[in-house]
Amino acid sequence: MNTPIQPFTSSSDLARPTVADAVVGFVETPLFIRKPNADDGWGIFELVKACPPLDVNSAYAYLLLATQFRDTCAIATNEEGEIVGFVSGYIKDNAPDTYFLWQVAVGEKARGTGLARRLVDAILARPELSDIHHLETTITPDNRASWGLFRRLAARWHAPLNSREYFSTEQLGGEHDPENLVRIGPFQIDHC
C-alpha cells in the first residue's frame, strides 16, 4: 500500500497569516495562532522553561504534543516565527464532551494581550471540537494568573466554575503544591 506523501510546510510558512487559525494582537505587533508541528517542539520547550512556575516537561513530551495532539493544542508566533504562546490539552476518553487543558504558557513579550484566552478560544472554535461543552484543568491554589484566566473564561461563556482538590502534596511527592481540579461548563462555543 502506498501512502501519499504530504507536502512539507515550514514553520515560517505556517506562521504567516494566510495559514494561521487567527491573527491577534495589535497592528504593529500581530500574533499568529495555529496548530503546532514537529518543528515547534523545541520552541515550545524553551517557552515553557521561560515561564515559571510552570512545570517543565521534556523536549520529547512537547514534540509529542506538537505532533500526536496537535489538533487539541495551539501556539502563537510573532512575525519572526518566535513562539510566544502555547496551550496543550486533549479530549478526555471517558468524557468526550470535555477538553482537559494541560498547560498554558505566555511569554513575556505577549503578556497582557489576552493571548491565553485567545489560544483557548482558537482551540475550542475548531470544528473537530464542536462536541466540547466542558473544560477541565488543574491549578495550584496560589497560581493567581491561572485562576484569573479560568474565572474570566467561565464568565465569558456564562458557565459555572467548580473546583476541588485533585492531587495532594503527598501524591505529588511532597515537593509540589496540591493541584485543584477546575471544571467549567456546560457552555456552547461558536465553531468555524
N, C-alpha and C. Protein backbone atom coordinates (compact mmCIF):
# COMPACT_ATOMS: atom_id res chain seq x y z
N MET A 1 0.85 -1.17 0.00
CA MET A 1 0.00 0.00 0.00
C MET A 1 0.89 1.24 0.00
N ASN A 2 0.62 2.13 -0.89
CA ASN A 2 1.38 3.37 -0.98
C ASN A 2 0.68 4.46 -0.17
N THR A 3 1.44 5.08 0.69
CA THR A 3 0.92 6.21 1.46
C THR A 3 1.29 7.48 0.72
N PRO A 4 0.29 8.31 0.44
CA PRO A 4 0.61 9.55 -0.29
C PRO A 4 1.54 10.43 0.54
N ILE A 5 2.49 11.03 -0.10
CA ILE A 5 3.43 11.92 0.56
C ILE A 5 2.77 13.29 0.70
N GLN A 6 2.75 13.76 1.94
CA GLN A 6 2.17 15.06 2.22
C GLN A 6 3.22 16.14 1.97
N PRO A 7 2.86 17.22 1.34
CA PRO A 7 3.85 18.29 1.13
C PRO A 7 4.26 18.88 2.47
N PHE A 8 5.53 19.22 2.59
CA PHE A 8 6.08 19.80 3.81
C PHE A 8 5.85 21.30 3.80
N THR A 9 5.37 21.81 4.92
CA THR A 9 5.20 23.25 5.10
C THR A 9 6.06 23.66 6.27
N SER A 10 6.98 24.57 6.05
CA SER A 10 7.88 25.00 7.12
C SER A 10 7.14 25.83 8.16
N SER A 11 7.73 25.90 9.37
CA SER A 11 7.13 26.69 10.45
C SER A 11 6.97 28.15 10.05
N SER A 12 7.94 28.69 9.35
CA SER A 12 7.83 30.10 8.98
C SER A 12 6.65 30.31 8.02
N ASP A 13 6.41 29.34 7.13
CA ASP A 13 5.24 29.45 6.25
C ASP A 13 3.94 29.29 7.03
N LEU A 14 3.93 28.37 7.99
CA LEU A 14 2.73 28.16 8.80
C LEU A 14 2.41 29.38 9.65
N ALA A 15 3.41 30.14 10.03
CA ALA A 15 3.20 31.31 10.89
C ALA A 15 2.61 32.48 10.13
N ARG A 16 2.62 32.41 8.81
CA ARG A 16 2.07 33.52 8.04
C ARG A 16 0.56 33.57 8.18
N PRO A 17 -0.03 34.74 8.16
CA PRO A 17 -1.46 34.88 8.42
C PRO A 17 -2.34 34.12 7.46
N THR A 18 -1.88 33.80 6.28
CA THR A 18 -2.73 33.10 5.33
C THR A 18 -3.04 31.67 5.78
N VAL A 19 -2.22 31.10 6.67
CA VAL A 19 -2.47 29.75 7.14
C VAL A 19 -2.68 29.68 8.65
N ALA A 20 -2.65 30.79 9.34
CA ALA A 20 -2.88 30.80 10.77
C ALA A 20 -4.38 30.68 11.04
N ASP A 21 -4.72 30.05 12.19
CA ASP A 21 -6.12 29.97 12.60
C ASP A 21 -6.67 31.36 12.91
N ALA A 22 -5.83 32.20 13.48
CA ALA A 22 -6.27 33.53 13.88
C ALA A 22 -5.08 34.47 13.92
N VAL A 23 -5.35 35.73 13.69
CA VAL A 23 -4.35 36.79 13.85
C VAL A 23 -4.86 37.68 14.96
N VAL A 24 -4.05 37.85 16.00
CA VAL A 24 -4.46 38.64 17.16
C VAL A 24 -3.38 39.65 17.49
N GLY A 25 -3.64 40.47 18.46
CA GLY A 25 -2.65 41.46 18.87
C GLY A 25 -2.96 42.81 18.25
N PHE A 26 -1.93 43.59 18.13
CA PHE A 26 -2.07 44.94 17.59
C PHE A 26 -1.47 44.97 16.19
N VAL A 27 -1.86 45.96 15.40
CA VAL A 27 -1.38 46.07 14.03
C VAL A 27 0.14 46.08 13.99
N GLU A 28 0.76 46.80 14.92
CA GLU A 28 2.22 46.90 14.90
C GLU A 28 2.91 45.63 15.43
N THR A 29 2.18 44.79 16.16
CA THR A 29 2.77 43.55 16.70
C THR A 29 1.76 42.40 16.60
N PRO A 30 1.44 41.96 15.40
CA PRO A 30 0.46 40.86 15.28
C PRO A 30 1.03 39.54 15.78
N LEU A 31 0.15 38.70 16.27
CA LEU A 31 0.48 37.35 16.69
C LEU A 31 -0.38 36.39 15.89
N PHE A 32 0.20 35.26 15.50
CA PHE A 32 -0.48 34.29 14.66
C PHE A 32 -0.71 33.00 15.45
N ILE A 33 -1.96 32.57 15.53
CA ILE A 33 -2.31 31.35 16.26
C ILE A 33 -2.54 30.23 15.26
N ARG A 34 -1.93 29.06 15.55
CA ARG A 34 -2.07 27.91 14.67
C ARG A 34 -1.79 26.63 15.44
N LYS A 35 -2.04 25.50 14.78
CA LYS A 35 -1.71 24.20 15.34
C LYS A 35 -0.18 24.04 15.29
N PRO A 36 0.40 23.40 16.31
CA PRO A 36 1.85 23.17 16.28
C PRO A 36 2.20 22.01 15.37
N ASN A 37 3.50 21.88 15.08
CA ASN A 37 4.01 20.73 14.34
C ASN A 37 5.38 20.35 14.92
N ALA A 38 6.00 19.33 14.37
CA ALA A 38 7.26 18.81 14.92
C ALA A 38 8.35 19.88 14.98
N ASP A 39 8.35 20.82 14.06
CA ASP A 39 9.35 21.88 14.08
C ASP A 39 9.21 22.81 15.29
N ASP A 40 8.07 22.75 15.96
CA ASP A 40 7.80 23.66 17.07
C ASP A 40 8.15 23.09 18.44
N GLY A 41 8.46 21.80 18.53
CA GLY A 41 8.68 21.16 19.82
C GLY A 41 9.72 21.86 20.68
N TRP A 42 10.88 22.15 20.10
CA TRP A 42 11.94 22.78 20.88
C TRP A 42 11.56 24.20 21.30
N GLY A 43 10.92 24.95 20.42
CA GLY A 43 10.49 26.30 20.77
C GLY A 43 9.46 26.31 21.89
N ILE A 44 8.57 25.32 21.90
CA ILE A 44 7.60 25.19 22.99
C ILE A 44 8.33 24.90 24.29
N PHE A 45 9.27 23.96 24.25
CA PHE A 45 10.08 23.61 25.42
C PHE A 45 10.78 24.85 25.98
N GLU A 46 11.40 25.65 25.12
CA GLU A 46 12.10 26.86 25.55
C GLU A 46 11.12 27.88 26.14
N LEU A 47 9.95 28.02 25.54
CA LEU A 47 8.95 28.95 26.06
C LEU A 47 8.52 28.55 27.46
N VAL A 48 8.19 27.28 27.66
CA VAL A 48 7.73 26.83 28.98
C VAL A 48 8.83 27.02 30.03
N LYS A 49 10.09 26.75 29.65
CA LYS A 49 11.20 26.97 30.59
C LYS A 49 11.26 28.43 31.04
N ALA A 50 10.87 29.35 30.17
CA ALA A 50 10.94 30.78 30.47
C ALA A 50 9.68 31.30 31.18
N CYS A 51 8.78 30.38 31.58
CA CYS A 51 7.51 30.78 32.19
C CYS A 51 7.30 30.13 33.55
N PRO A 52 8.17 30.44 34.54
CA PRO A 52 7.90 29.89 35.86
C PRO A 52 6.59 30.45 36.40
N PRO A 53 5.85 29.74 37.17
CA PRO A 53 6.16 28.49 37.86
C PRO A 53 5.71 27.24 37.11
N LEU A 54 5.57 27.30 35.80
CA LEU A 54 5.11 26.12 35.07
C LEU A 54 6.06 24.95 35.25
N ASP A 55 5.49 23.75 35.34
CA ASP A 55 6.29 22.54 35.35
C ASP A 55 6.82 22.32 33.95
N VAL A 56 8.13 22.13 33.82
CA VAL A 56 8.75 21.93 32.52
C VAL A 56 8.85 20.43 32.25
N ASN A 57 8.29 20.01 31.15
CA ASN A 57 8.37 18.62 30.72
C ASN A 57 9.56 18.48 29.77
N SER A 58 9.82 17.29 29.31
CA SER A 58 10.96 17.07 28.41
C SER A 58 10.65 17.64 27.02
N ALA A 59 11.70 17.93 26.28
CA ALA A 59 11.53 18.38 24.90
C ALA A 59 10.76 17.31 24.11
N TYR A 60 11.02 16.05 24.42
CA TYR A 60 10.32 14.95 23.75
C TYR A 60 8.81 15.04 23.99
N ALA A 61 8.41 15.34 25.23
CA ALA A 61 6.98 15.47 25.54
C ALA A 61 6.34 16.57 24.70
N TYR A 62 7.06 17.68 24.52
CA TYR A 62 6.49 18.78 23.71
C TYR A 62 6.46 18.41 22.23
N LEU A 63 7.40 17.61 21.77
CA LEU A 63 7.33 17.11 20.40
C LEU A 63 6.12 16.21 20.21
N LEU A 64 5.84 15.37 21.19
CA LEU A 64 4.64 14.52 21.11
C LEU A 64 3.37 15.36 21.09
N LEU A 65 3.31 16.37 21.95
CA LEU A 65 2.14 17.24 21.95
C LEU A 65 1.97 17.94 20.60
N ALA A 66 3.09 18.39 20.03
CA ALA A 66 3.05 19.14 18.76
C ALA A 66 2.69 18.25 17.57
N THR A 67 2.81 16.95 17.72
CA THR A 67 2.52 16.05 16.60
C THR A 67 1.31 15.17 16.87
N GLN A 68 1.32 14.45 17.98
CA GLN A 68 0.25 13.49 18.28
C GLN A 68 -1.02 14.15 18.83
N PHE A 69 -0.88 15.36 19.40
CA PHE A 69 -2.03 16.06 19.98
C PHE A 69 -2.22 17.43 19.36
N ARG A 70 -1.72 17.62 18.16
CA ARG A 70 -1.73 18.94 17.54
C ARG A 70 -3.13 19.51 17.33
N ASP A 71 -4.12 18.64 17.14
CA ASP A 71 -5.48 19.13 16.91
C ASP A 71 -6.11 19.74 18.16
N THR A 72 -5.53 19.45 19.33
CA THR A 72 -6.06 19.99 20.57
C THR A 72 -5.05 20.89 21.28
N CYS A 73 -4.04 21.34 20.54
CA CYS A 73 -3.04 22.28 21.06
C CYS A 73 -2.97 23.49 20.13
N ALA A 74 -2.36 24.55 20.60
CA ALA A 74 -2.18 25.74 19.76
C ALA A 74 -0.92 26.48 20.20
N ILE A 75 -0.29 27.12 19.23
CA ILE A 75 0.82 28.03 19.53
C ILE A 75 0.49 29.38 18.93
N ALA A 76 1.16 30.39 19.48
CA ALA A 76 1.10 31.73 18.92
C ALA A 76 2.54 32.13 18.59
N THR A 77 2.71 32.69 17.41
CA THR A 77 4.03 33.17 16.99
C THR A 77 3.95 34.64 16.64
N ASN A 78 5.10 35.30 16.74
CA ASN A 78 5.16 36.68 16.25
C ASN A 78 5.56 36.65 14.77
N GLU A 79 5.76 37.82 14.19
CA GLU A 79 6.07 37.88 12.75
C GLU A 79 7.38 37.20 12.39
N GLU A 80 8.28 37.08 13.35
CA GLU A 80 9.56 36.41 13.09
C GLU A 80 9.46 34.90 13.26
N GLY A 81 8.29 34.39 13.65
CA GLY A 81 8.10 32.96 13.85
C GLY A 81 8.45 32.48 15.24
N GLU A 82 8.83 33.39 16.15
CA GLU A 82 9.14 33.01 17.53
C GLU A 82 7.85 32.61 18.25
N ILE A 83 7.90 31.49 18.96
CA ILE A 83 6.74 31.03 19.71
C ILE A 83 6.64 31.84 20.99
N VAL A 84 5.49 32.53 21.16
CA VAL A 84 5.28 33.39 22.32
C VAL A 84 4.10 32.93 23.17
N GLY A 85 3.40 31.90 22.72
CA GLY A 85 2.28 31.36 23.49
C GLY A 85 2.02 29.92 23.11
N PHE A 86 1.50 29.16 24.07
CA PHE A 86 1.25 27.74 23.87
C PHE A 86 0.16 27.27 24.81
N VAL A 87 -0.75 26.46 24.28
CA VAL A 87 -1.75 25.77 25.09
C VAL A 87 -1.75 24.31 24.65
N SER A 88 -1.70 23.40 25.64
CA SER A 88 -1.81 21.98 25.34
C SER A 88 -3.01 21.40 26.07
N GLY A 89 -3.59 20.39 25.47
CA GLY A 89 -4.71 19.71 26.08
C GLY A 89 -5.16 18.55 25.22
N TYR A 90 -6.22 17.91 25.66
CA TYR A 90 -6.74 16.75 24.93
C TYR A 90 -8.22 16.57 25.28
N ILE A 91 -8.90 15.79 24.46
CA ILE A 91 -10.29 15.42 24.73
C ILE A 91 -10.26 14.16 25.59
N LYS A 92 -10.98 14.19 26.69
CA LYS A 92 -10.95 13.06 27.61
C LYS A 92 -11.66 11.85 27.00
N ASP A 93 -11.00 10.70 27.05
CA ASP A 93 -11.59 9.47 26.51
C ASP A 93 -12.88 9.10 27.22
N ASN A 94 -12.92 9.26 28.54
CA ASN A 94 -14.10 8.86 29.30
C ASN A 94 -15.16 9.95 29.39
N ALA A 95 -14.90 11.10 28.78
CA ALA A 95 -15.86 12.21 28.76
C ALA A 95 -15.63 13.00 27.46
N PRO A 96 -16.11 12.50 26.33
CA PRO A 96 -15.79 13.13 25.04
C PRO A 96 -16.36 14.52 24.82
N ASP A 97 -17.13 15.03 25.79
CA ASP A 97 -17.58 16.42 25.70
C ASP A 97 -16.71 17.34 26.55
N THR A 98 -15.56 16.82 27.03
CA THR A 98 -14.70 17.58 27.94
C THR A 98 -13.29 17.71 27.38
N TYR A 99 -12.82 18.95 27.31
CA TYR A 99 -11.45 19.26 26.91
C TYR A 99 -10.65 19.44 28.19
N PHE A 100 -9.58 18.66 28.36
CA PHE A 100 -8.70 18.83 29.51
C PHE A 100 -7.53 19.67 29.07
N LEU A 101 -7.41 20.86 29.64
CA LEU A 101 -6.33 21.78 29.32
C LEU A 101 -5.17 21.47 30.25
N TRP A 102 -4.05 21.05 29.65
CA TRP A 102 -2.91 20.62 30.45
C TRP A 102 -2.01 21.80 30.83
N GLN A 103 -1.65 22.63 29.87
CA GLN A 103 -0.68 23.68 30.16
C GLN A 103 -0.94 24.91 29.31
N VAL A 104 -0.76 26.08 29.93
CA VAL A 104 -0.84 27.37 29.25
C VAL A 104 0.46 28.10 29.51
N ALA A 105 1.10 28.59 28.46
CA ALA A 105 2.32 29.38 28.61
C ALA A 105 2.23 30.61 27.72
N VAL A 106 2.49 31.76 28.29
CA VAL A 106 2.54 33.00 27.51
C VAL A 106 3.87 33.68 27.86
N GLY A 107 4.68 33.90 26.83
CA GLY A 107 5.98 34.53 27.03
C GLY A 107 5.86 35.99 27.40
N GLU A 108 6.93 36.50 27.95
CA GLU A 108 6.95 37.88 28.45
C GLU A 108 6.54 38.89 27.37
N LYS A 109 6.96 38.67 26.13
CA LYS A 109 6.66 39.61 25.04
C LYS A 109 5.17 39.71 24.74
N ALA A 110 4.39 38.69 25.11
CA ALA A 110 2.96 38.67 24.76
C ALA A 110 2.05 38.79 25.96
N ARG A 111 2.60 38.98 27.15
CA ARG A 111 1.76 39.09 28.34
C ARG A 111 0.95 40.38 28.31
N GLY A 112 -0.25 40.28 28.86
CA GLY A 112 -1.12 41.45 28.91
C GLY A 112 -1.91 41.68 27.64
N THR A 113 -1.86 40.75 26.69
CA THR A 113 -2.57 40.91 25.42
C THR A 113 -3.84 40.06 25.35
N GLY A 114 -4.12 39.29 26.40
CA GLY A 114 -5.26 38.37 26.34
C GLY A 114 -4.96 37.12 25.53
N LEU A 115 -3.67 36.86 25.29
CA LEU A 115 -3.29 35.75 24.42
C LEU A 115 -3.73 34.40 24.96
N ALA A 116 -3.62 34.17 26.25
CA ALA A 116 -4.01 32.86 26.81
C ALA A 116 -5.47 32.55 26.47
N ARG A 117 -6.35 33.51 26.71
CA ARG A 117 -7.77 33.32 26.39
C ARG A 117 -7.96 33.09 24.90
N ARG A 118 -7.24 33.83 24.09
CA ARG A 118 -7.40 33.70 22.63
C ARG A 118 -6.90 32.35 22.13
N LEU A 119 -5.86 31.82 22.75
CA LEU A 119 -5.39 30.48 22.39
C LEU A 119 -6.44 29.43 22.73
N VAL A 120 -7.02 29.52 23.93
CA VAL A 120 -8.08 28.58 24.32
C VAL A 120 -9.27 28.72 23.38
N ASP A 121 -9.69 29.95 23.11
CA ASP A 121 -10.81 30.18 22.19
C ASP A 121 -10.52 29.58 20.81
N ALA A 122 -9.30 29.75 20.31
CA ALA A 122 -8.96 29.24 18.98
C ALA A 122 -9.06 27.72 18.93
N ILE A 123 -8.62 27.05 19.98
CA ILE A 123 -8.72 25.59 20.02
C ILE A 123 -10.18 25.16 20.06
N LEU A 124 -10.94 25.73 20.98
CA LEU A 124 -12.32 25.30 21.16
C LEU A 124 -13.23 25.69 20.00
N ALA A 125 -12.81 26.63 19.16
CA ALA A 125 -13.60 27.03 17.99
C ALA A 125 -13.38 26.10 16.80
N ARG A 126 -12.43 25.18 16.88
CA ARG A 126 -12.16 24.28 15.77
C ARG A 126 -13.34 23.35 15.54
N PRO A 127 -13.71 23.13 14.29
CA PRO A 127 -14.86 22.26 14.01
C PRO A 127 -14.74 20.87 14.64
N GLU A 128 -13.52 20.32 14.71
CA GLU A 128 -13.35 18.98 15.28
C GLU A 128 -13.59 18.94 16.79
N LEU A 129 -13.76 20.10 17.42
CA LEU A 129 -14.07 20.15 18.85
C LEU A 129 -15.49 20.65 19.11
N SER A 130 -16.36 20.49 18.13
CA SER A 130 -17.72 21.03 18.24
C SER A 130 -18.55 20.34 19.32
N ASP A 131 -18.15 19.16 19.77
CA ASP A 131 -18.89 18.47 20.81
C ASP A 131 -18.41 18.80 22.22
N ILE A 132 -17.45 19.71 22.34
CA ILE A 132 -16.91 20.07 23.65
C ILE A 132 -17.83 21.09 24.33
N HIS A 133 -18.25 20.76 25.56
CA HIS A 133 -19.13 21.64 26.34
C HIS A 133 -18.63 21.84 27.77
N HIS A 134 -17.46 21.23 28.09
CA HIS A 134 -16.85 21.40 29.40
C HIS A 134 -15.34 21.54 29.22
N LEU A 135 -14.71 22.31 30.08
CA LEU A 135 -13.26 22.42 30.12
C LEU A 135 -12.82 22.06 31.53
N GLU A 136 -11.78 21.24 31.62
CA GLU A 136 -11.18 20.92 32.90
C GLU A 136 -9.69 21.24 32.85
N THR A 137 -9.16 21.57 34.00
CA THR A 137 -7.73 21.81 34.15
C THR A 137 -7.38 21.62 35.61
N THR A 138 -6.11 21.62 35.93
CA THR A 138 -5.70 21.64 37.33
C THR A 138 -4.89 22.90 37.57
N ILE A 139 -5.07 23.47 38.76
CA ILE A 139 -4.39 24.71 39.13
C ILE A 139 -3.97 24.61 40.58
N THR A 140 -2.75 25.06 40.87
CA THR A 140 -2.33 25.14 42.27
C THR A 140 -3.08 26.29 42.94
N PRO A 141 -3.33 26.19 44.24
CA PRO A 141 -4.12 27.22 44.93
C PRO A 141 -3.55 28.63 44.81
N ASP A 142 -2.23 28.77 44.67
CA ASP A 142 -1.63 30.11 44.67
C ASP A 142 -1.34 30.66 43.28
N ASN A 143 -1.76 29.99 42.21
CA ASN A 143 -1.49 30.48 40.85
C ASN A 143 -2.57 31.47 40.44
N ARG A 144 -2.39 32.72 40.85
CA ARG A 144 -3.41 33.74 40.62
C ARG A 144 -3.67 34.00 39.14
N ALA A 145 -2.63 33.95 38.31
CA ALA A 145 -2.83 34.20 36.87
C ALA A 145 -3.76 33.14 36.27
N SER A 146 -3.53 31.87 36.60
CA SER A 146 -4.38 30.81 36.05
C SER A 146 -5.80 30.91 36.59
N TRP A 147 -5.95 31.14 37.88
CA TRP A 147 -7.29 31.29 38.43
C TRP A 147 -8.03 32.43 37.73
N GLY A 148 -7.33 33.54 37.51
CA GLY A 148 -7.95 34.67 36.82
C GLY A 148 -8.39 34.31 35.41
N LEU A 149 -7.51 33.62 34.68
CA LEU A 149 -7.86 33.22 33.31
C LEU A 149 -9.11 32.35 33.29
N PHE A 150 -9.17 31.35 34.14
CA PHE A 150 -10.30 30.42 34.08
C PHE A 150 -11.58 31.03 34.64
N ARG A 151 -11.45 31.94 35.57
CA ARG A 151 -12.66 32.66 36.02
C ARG A 151 -13.20 33.55 34.89
N ARG A 152 -12.28 34.20 34.16
CA ARG A 152 -12.72 35.04 33.03
C ARG A 152 -13.36 34.20 31.93
N LEU A 153 -12.79 33.02 31.66
CA LEU A 153 -13.38 32.15 30.65
C LEU A 153 -14.79 31.72 31.07
N ALA A 154 -14.95 31.32 32.32
CA ALA A 154 -16.27 30.90 32.80
C ALA A 154 -17.28 32.04 32.67
N ALA A 155 -16.88 33.25 33.04
CA ALA A 155 -17.77 34.39 32.93
C ALA A 155 -18.11 34.68 31.47
N ARG A 156 -17.12 34.60 30.62
CA ARG A 156 -17.33 34.88 29.19
C ARG A 156 -18.29 33.87 28.56
N TRP A 157 -18.19 32.63 29.00
CA TRP A 157 -19.04 31.57 28.46
C TRP A 157 -20.35 31.42 29.23
N HIS A 158 -20.56 32.26 30.24
CA HIS A 158 -21.77 32.19 31.08
C HIS A 158 -21.95 30.77 31.63
N ALA A 159 -20.86 30.23 32.16
CA ALA A 159 -20.86 28.85 32.64
C ALA A 159 -20.34 28.78 34.07
N PRO A 160 -20.84 27.82 34.84
CA PRO A 160 -20.34 27.67 36.20
C PRO A 160 -18.90 27.16 36.23
N LEU A 161 -18.18 27.55 37.28
CA LEU A 161 -16.83 27.07 37.54
C LEU A 161 -16.85 26.38 38.89
N ASN A 162 -16.43 25.13 38.92
CA ASN A 162 -16.35 24.36 40.17
C ASN A 162 -14.93 23.87 40.34
N SER A 163 -14.49 23.72 41.60
CA SER A 163 -13.15 23.20 41.83
C SER A 163 -13.14 22.36 43.10
N ARG A 164 -12.16 21.45 43.14
CA ARG A 164 -11.93 20.62 44.31
C ARG A 164 -10.49 20.14 44.27
N GLU A 165 -9.95 19.75 45.43
CA GLU A 165 -8.60 19.22 45.42
C GLU A 165 -8.58 17.94 44.60
N TYR A 166 -7.57 17.80 43.79
CA TYR A 166 -7.47 16.65 42.88
C TYR A 166 -6.24 15.81 43.21
N PHE A 167 -5.08 16.45 43.26
CA PHE A 167 -3.84 15.78 43.66
C PHE A 167 -3.29 16.49 44.89
N SER A 168 -3.03 15.72 45.94
CA SER A 168 -2.50 16.30 47.17
C SER A 168 -0.98 16.48 47.04
N THR A 169 -0.44 17.25 47.97
CA THR A 169 1.02 17.44 48.01
C THR A 169 1.71 16.08 48.16
N GLU A 170 1.15 15.22 48.97
CA GLU A 170 1.74 13.89 49.17
C GLU A 170 1.73 13.09 47.88
N GLN A 171 0.63 13.12 47.15
CA GLN A 171 0.56 12.40 45.87
C GLN A 171 1.57 12.94 44.87
N LEU A 172 1.94 14.20 45.02
CA LEU A 172 2.90 14.83 44.11
C LEU A 172 4.32 14.79 44.65
N GLY A 173 4.59 13.87 45.58
CA GLY A 173 5.94 13.66 46.07
C GLY A 173 6.37 14.55 47.21
N GLY A 174 5.48 15.36 47.75
CA GLY A 174 5.80 16.18 48.90
C GLY A 174 6.51 17.49 48.59
N GLU A 175 6.88 17.71 47.34
CA GLU A 175 7.61 18.93 46.99
C GLU A 175 6.86 19.80 45.98
N HIS A 176 5.58 19.56 45.84
CA HIS A 176 4.76 20.29 44.86
C HIS A 176 3.48 20.68 45.56
N ASP A 177 3.01 21.88 45.32
CA ASP A 177 1.73 22.31 45.88
C ASP A 177 0.62 21.40 45.36
N PRO A 178 -0.47 21.28 46.12
CA PRO A 178 -1.59 20.48 45.62
C PRO A 178 -2.16 21.08 44.34
N GLU A 179 -2.80 20.25 43.57
CA GLU A 179 -3.46 20.70 42.33
C GLU A 179 -4.96 20.55 42.51
N ASN A 180 -5.70 21.63 42.26
CA ASN A 180 -7.15 21.59 42.28
C ASN A 180 -7.67 21.30 40.88
N LEU A 181 -8.67 20.42 40.80
CA LEU A 181 -9.35 20.17 39.53
C LEU A 181 -10.39 21.27 39.35
N VAL A 182 -10.32 21.98 38.25
CA VAL A 182 -11.26 23.05 37.92
C VAL A 182 -12.08 22.60 36.73
N ARG A 183 -13.40 22.74 36.84
CA ARG A 183 -14.30 22.33 35.75
C ARG A 183 -15.22 23.50 35.42
N ILE A 184 -15.24 23.86 34.15
CA ILE A 184 -16.12 24.91 33.64
C ILE A 184 -17.12 24.25 32.70
N GLY A 185 -18.39 24.59 32.86
CA GLY A 185 -19.38 24.08 31.93
C GLY A 185 -20.66 23.67 32.63
N PRO A 186 -21.63 23.41 31.80
CA PRO A 186 -21.58 23.34 30.33
C PRO A 186 -21.58 24.73 29.69
N PHE A 187 -21.02 24.78 28.47
CA PHE A 187 -21.00 26.01 27.68
C PHE A 187 -21.19 25.63 26.22
N GLN A 188 -21.44 26.64 25.42
CA GLN A 188 -21.59 26.47 23.96
C GLN A 188 -20.65 27.44 23.29
N ILE A 189 -19.82 26.93 22.39
CA ILE A 189 -18.83 27.73 21.66
C ILE A 189 -19.26 27.81 20.20
N ASP A 190 -19.09 28.98 19.58
CA ASP A 190 -19.32 29.10 18.14
C ASP A 190 -18.13 28.46 17.42
N HIS A 191 -18.40 27.63 16.43
CA HIS A 191 -17.34 26.93 15.71
C HIS A 191 -17.22 27.45 14.28
N CYS A 192 -15.98 27.39 13.80
CA CYS A 192 -15.69 27.86 12.43
C CYS A 192 -16.32 26.95 11.40
